[in-house]
């Protein structure tokens, strides 16, 4: 597992590299630089969030479309008004990078992932719209890609600033002077906020669409 900044930077710009496969190297680099806050954020992104109140804004209130299961037609748009859409038509994304990326890979462009409401929330909405059918929310593939791109872009921006500070080459460890020089970069919010502002202009790829055989049999190791 290479933790060289230049190699990490190249991998983040390579559309053939999944974020799931890159993040362990990024965590290793952060720990080598004693950047504990960056490492903790990366680990939480990788594993998923256990506390909804800890979610960063790019994972909160991700919009979706409310659908109902019809015995005749399958999943169709639910008869909800604008107020109900605003109250129920979004979801906090707690899952780790691997799960999010897997979902994104398994969806074709222009489609999404359907998530059934939990029992209590479904019962509330069913009573509001006077409907007994099963209800779910569909989050678009684009929304998954956008979230993953924010994380990938934040890591890319972090690498850029590390290299600008003179951190480069293969290392088994870094000197105290090198670690102190980049100590101000131990700030994930700084990078994900920059990513939110500019990730569309960065040379960071979106999650590619998996081919048929990969969706059926999985990614080759």
Protein backbone atom coordinates (compact mmCIF):
# COMPACT_ATOMS: atom_id res chain seq x y z
CA UNK A 1 0.00 0.00 0.00
CA UNK A 2 1.76 3.13 -1.22
CA UNK A 3 1.26 6.26 0.85
CA UNK A 4 3.35 8.55 -1.39
CA UNK A 5 1.52 11.83 -1.94
CA UNK A 6 2.21 11.85 -5.69
CA UNK A 7 0.89 8.30 -6.12
CA UNK A 8 -2.21 9.11 -4.08
CA UNK A 9 -2.78 12.22 -6.20
CA UNK A 10 -2.54 10.15 -9.42
CA UNK A 11 -4.97 7.54 -8.12
CA UNK A 12 -7.54 10.18 -7.14
CA UNK A 13 -7.55 11.40 -10.75
CA UNK A 14 -7.81 7.90 -12.23
CA UNK A 15 -11.40 6.93 -13.09
CA UNK A 16 -10.46 3.25 -12.90
CA UNK A 17 -9.62 3.52 -9.19
CA UNK A 18 -12.48 3.21 -6.72
CA UNK A 19 -12.48 5.51 -3.71
CA UNK A 20 -12.92 2.43 -1.53
CA UNK A 21 -9.51 1.19 -2.74
CA UNK A 22 -7.79 4.58 -2.39
CA UNK A 23 -8.87 5.61 1.09
CA UNK A 24 -6.75 3.11 3.10
CA UNK A 25 -3.63 4.68 1.54
CA UNK A 26 -4.93 8.17 2.32
CA UNK A 27 -5.55 7.17 5.95
CA UNK A 28 -2.02 5.71 6.17
CA UNK A 29 -0.54 8.96 4.84
CA UNK A 30 -2.54 11.05 7.31
CA UNK A 31 -1.34 8.91 10.21
CA UNK A 32 2.28 9.11 9.03
CA UNK A 33 1.94 12.90 9.07
CA UNK A 34 0.26 12.75 12.51
CA UNK A 35 -2.85 14.36 11.04
CA UNK A 36 -5.29 12.70 13.39
CA UNK A 37 -8.31 14.85 12.52
CA UNK A 38 -7.94 14.12 8.81
CA UNK A 39 -7.44 10.41 9.52
CA UNK A 40 -10.51 10.28 11.79
CA UNK A 41 -12.68 11.97 9.14
CA UNK A 42 -11.43 9.56 6.46
CA UNK A 43 -12.12 6.53 8.67
CA UNK A 44 -15.64 7.73 9.42
CA UNK A 45 -16.31 8.35 5.73
CA UNK A 46 -14.92 4.92 4.94
CA UNK A 47 -16.85 3.04 7.66
CA UNK A 48 -20.01 5.18 7.81
CA UNK A 49 -21.54 7.49 10.39
CA UNK A 50 -23.19 6.11 13.51
CA UNK A 51 -24.52 9.44 14.80
CA UNK A 52 -26.82 11.45 12.50
CA UNK A 53 -25.86 14.68 14.29
CA UNK A 54 -22.23 14.16 13.17
CA UNK A 55 -23.11 14.13 9.45
CA UNK A 56 -21.44 16.85 7.37
CA UNK A 57 -23.80 18.95 5.21
CA UNK A 58 -23.04 17.08 1.98
CA UNK A 59 -24.56 13.95 3.56
CA UNK A 60 -27.66 15.64 4.99
CA UNK A 61 -31.09 15.94 3.39
CA UNK A 62 -30.14 14.38 0.06
CA UNK A 63 -33.29 14.84 -2.07
CA UNK A 64 -35.21 11.98 -3.64
CA UNK A 65 -38.56 11.01 -5.15
CA UNK A 66 -41.28 9.37 -3.04
CA UNK A 67 -42.79 6.30 -4.69
CA UNK A 68 -45.54 3.80 -3.82
CA UNK A 69 -45.82 0.12 -4.70
CA UNK A 70 -48.81 -0.61 -6.88
CA UNK A 71 -50.03 -4.24 -7.22
CA UNK A 72 -50.71 -3.61 -10.91
CA UNK A 73 -47.87 -1.30 -11.99
CA UNK A 74 -45.03 -1.79 -9.52
CA UNK A 75 -43.34 1.33 -8.13
CA UNK A 76 -45.03 4.56 -9.21
CA UNK A 77 -44.87 8.20 -8.02
CA UNK A 78 -46.70 8.59 -4.71
CA UNK A 79 -49.60 11.10 -4.48
CA UNK A 80 -47.79 13.57 -2.22
CA UNK A 81 -48.12 17.36 -2.16
CA UNK A 82 -45.27 19.88 -2.00
CA UNK A 83 -45.36 20.09 1.80
CA UNK A 84 -45.11 16.31 2.12
CA UNK A 85 -42.29 16.22 -0.43
CA UNK A 86 -40.41 18.80 1.61
CA UNK A 87 -40.92 16.89 4.86
CA UNK A 88 -40.35 13.32 3.65
CA UNK A 89 -38.60 13.60 0.27
CA UNK A 90 -35.01 13.53 1.46
CA UNK A 91 -32.63 11.24 3.32
CA UNK A 92 -29.49 11.51 5.45
CA UNK A 93 -26.75 9.30 4.02
CA UNK A 94 -25.11 7.38 6.87
CA UNK A 95 -23.46 4.59 4.86
CA UNK A 96 -19.73 4.19 4.39
CA UNK A 97 -17.91 4.88 1.13
CA UNK A 98 -17.87 1.21 0.09
CA UNK A 99 -21.65 0.89 0.36
CA UNK A 100 -22.31 4.22 -1.39
CA UNK A 101 -19.88 3.40 -4.18
CA UNK A 102 -21.32 -0.09 -4.64
CA UNK A 103 -24.81 1.39 -4.96
CA UNK A 104 -23.57 3.95 -7.47
CA UNK A 105 -21.80 1.28 -9.53
CA UNK A 106 -24.89 -0.94 -9.63
CA UNK A 107 -27.16 1.84 -10.92
CA UNK A 108 -27.34 2.77 -14.56
CA UNK A 109 -27.07 6.44 -15.49
CA UNK A 110 -30.43 8.15 -15.18
CA UNK A 111 -31.67 5.69 -12.54
CA UNK A 112 -31.42 5.56 -8.77
CA UNK A 113 -31.59 3.49 -5.61
CA UNK A 114 -34.94 2.83 -3.93
CA UNK A 115 -34.90 2.89 -0.11
CA UNK A 116 -38.04 1.74 1.72
CA UNK A 117 -39.13 4.05 4.56
CA UNK A 118 -38.78 2.70 8.07
CA UNK A 119 -42.00 1.47 9.65
CA UNK A 120 -42.75 4.53 11.79
CA UNK A 121 -42.06 7.09 9.08
CA UNK A 122 -44.00 5.05 6.52
CA UNK A 123 -47.02 4.81 8.81
CA UNK A 124 -46.99 8.57 9.35
CA UNK A 125 -46.83 9.33 5.63
CA UNK A 126 -49.43 6.66 4.77
CA UNK A 127 -51.88 8.30 7.18
CA UNK A 128 -51.15 11.74 5.69
CA UNK A 129 -51.89 10.66 2.11
CA UNK A 130 -54.57 8.08 3.04
CA UNK A 131 -52.73 5.26 1.32
CA UNK A 132 -51.88 1.78 2.63
CA UNK A 133 -49.32 0.89 -0.07
CA UNK A 134 -45.62 0.39 0.74
CA UNK A 135 -43.69 3.64 0.35
CA UNK A 136 -40.07 4.32 -0.50
CA UNK A 137 -37.76 7.11 -1.57
CA UNK A 138 -35.61 6.87 -4.70
CA UNK A 139 -32.23 8.62 -4.49
CA UNK A 140 -30.75 9.30 -7.93
CA UNK A 141 -27.41 7.89 -9.04
CA UNK A 142 -26.31 11.49 -9.63
CA UNK A 143 -26.85 12.29 -5.94
CA UNK A 144 -24.66 9.34 -4.91
CA UNK A 145 -21.99 10.42 -7.40
CA UNK A 146 -22.09 14.00 -6.14
CA UNK A 147 -21.54 12.92 -2.52
CA UNK A 148 -18.65 10.62 -3.46
CA UNK A 149 -17.13 13.33 -5.62
CA UNK A 150 -17.06 15.74 -2.65
CA UNK A 151 -15.02 13.26 -0.60
CA UNK A 152 -12.70 12.44 -3.50
CA UNK A 153 -12.24 16.14 -4.30
CA UNK A 154 -11.46 16.93 -0.65
CA UNK A 155 -8.70 14.30 -0.68
CA UNK A 156 -7.39 15.68 -3.99
CA UNK A 157 -7.22 19.24 -2.57
CA UNK A 158 -5.46 17.94 0.55
CA UNK A 159 -2.84 16.20 -1.62
CA UNK A 160 -2.31 19.36 -3.66
CA UNK A 161 -1.57 21.42 -0.55
CA UNK A 162 0.70 18.73 0.87
CA UNK A 163 2.75 18.77 -2.34
CA UNK A 164 2.82 22.58 -2.38
CA UNK A 165 4.25 22.41 1.15
CA UNK A 166 7.07 20.16 -0.09
CA UNK A 167 5.76 16.79 1.08
CA UNK A 168 6.62 14.23 -1.59
CA UNK A 169 8.46 11.04 -2.45
CA UNK A 170 8.24 7.61 -0.87
CA UNK A 171 8.59 7.68 2.90
CA UNK A 172 8.35 5.21 5.73
CA UNK A 173 8.09 8.16 8.10
CA UNK A 174 8.24 11.96 8.17
CA UNK A 175 10.43 14.20 10.28
CA UNK A 176 9.04 16.37 13.04
CA UNK A 177 9.80 19.46 10.93
CA UNK A 178 7.87 18.04 7.97
CA UNK A 179 4.91 17.15 10.17
CA UNK A 180 4.87 20.60 11.76
CA UNK A 181 5.05 22.28 8.35
CA UNK A 182 1.79 20.67 7.28
CA UNK A 183 0.07 20.66 10.69
CA UNK A 184 -2.34 23.45 9.60
CA UNK A 185 -3.64 21.09 6.90
CA UNK A 186 -5.07 18.73 9.52
CA UNK A 187 -8.52 20.19 8.89
CA UNK A 188 -10.98 18.08 6.84
CA UNK A 189 -13.72 20.72 6.94
CA UNK A 190 -11.40 23.14 5.15
CA UNK A 191 -11.06 20.69 2.26
CA UNK A 192 -14.61 19.41 1.97
CA UNK A 193 -15.91 22.97 2.03
CA UNK A 194 -13.52 23.85 -0.81
CA UNK A 195 -14.68 20.72 -2.59
CA UNK A 196 -18.32 21.77 -2.27
CA UNK A 197 -17.44 25.14 -3.78
CA UNK A 198 -15.28 23.95 -6.66
CA UNK A 199 -15.45 20.17 -7.17
CA UNK A 200 -17.03 20.56 -10.62
CA UNK A 201 -13.84 22.29 -11.81
CA UNK A 202 -11.38 19.76 -10.36
CA UNK A 203 -9.76 16.91 -12.36
CA UNK A 204 -11.55 14.29 -10.27
CA UNK A 205 -13.61 11.58 -12.02
CA UNK A 206 -17.17 10.61 -11.22
CA UNK A 207 -17.99 7.00 -10.38
CA UNK A 208 -18.12 5.08 -13.62
CA UNK A 209 -21.06 2.91 -14.57
CA UNK A 210 -20.41 -0.80 -14.08
CA UNK A 211 -20.84 -3.10 -17.07
CA UNK A 212 -23.40 -5.90 -17.16
CA UNK A 213 -21.00 -8.69 -16.10
CA UNK A 214 -19.57 -6.58 -13.28
CA UNK A 215 -23.07 -5.85 -11.96
CA UNK A 216 -23.93 -9.57 -12.10
CA UNK A 217 -20.65 -11.16 -10.98
CA UNK A 218 -18.90 -8.32 -9.16
CA UNK A 219 -15.61 -6.53 -9.67
CA UNK A 220 -12.55 -8.69 -10.35
CA UNK A 221 -9.92 -8.60 -7.63
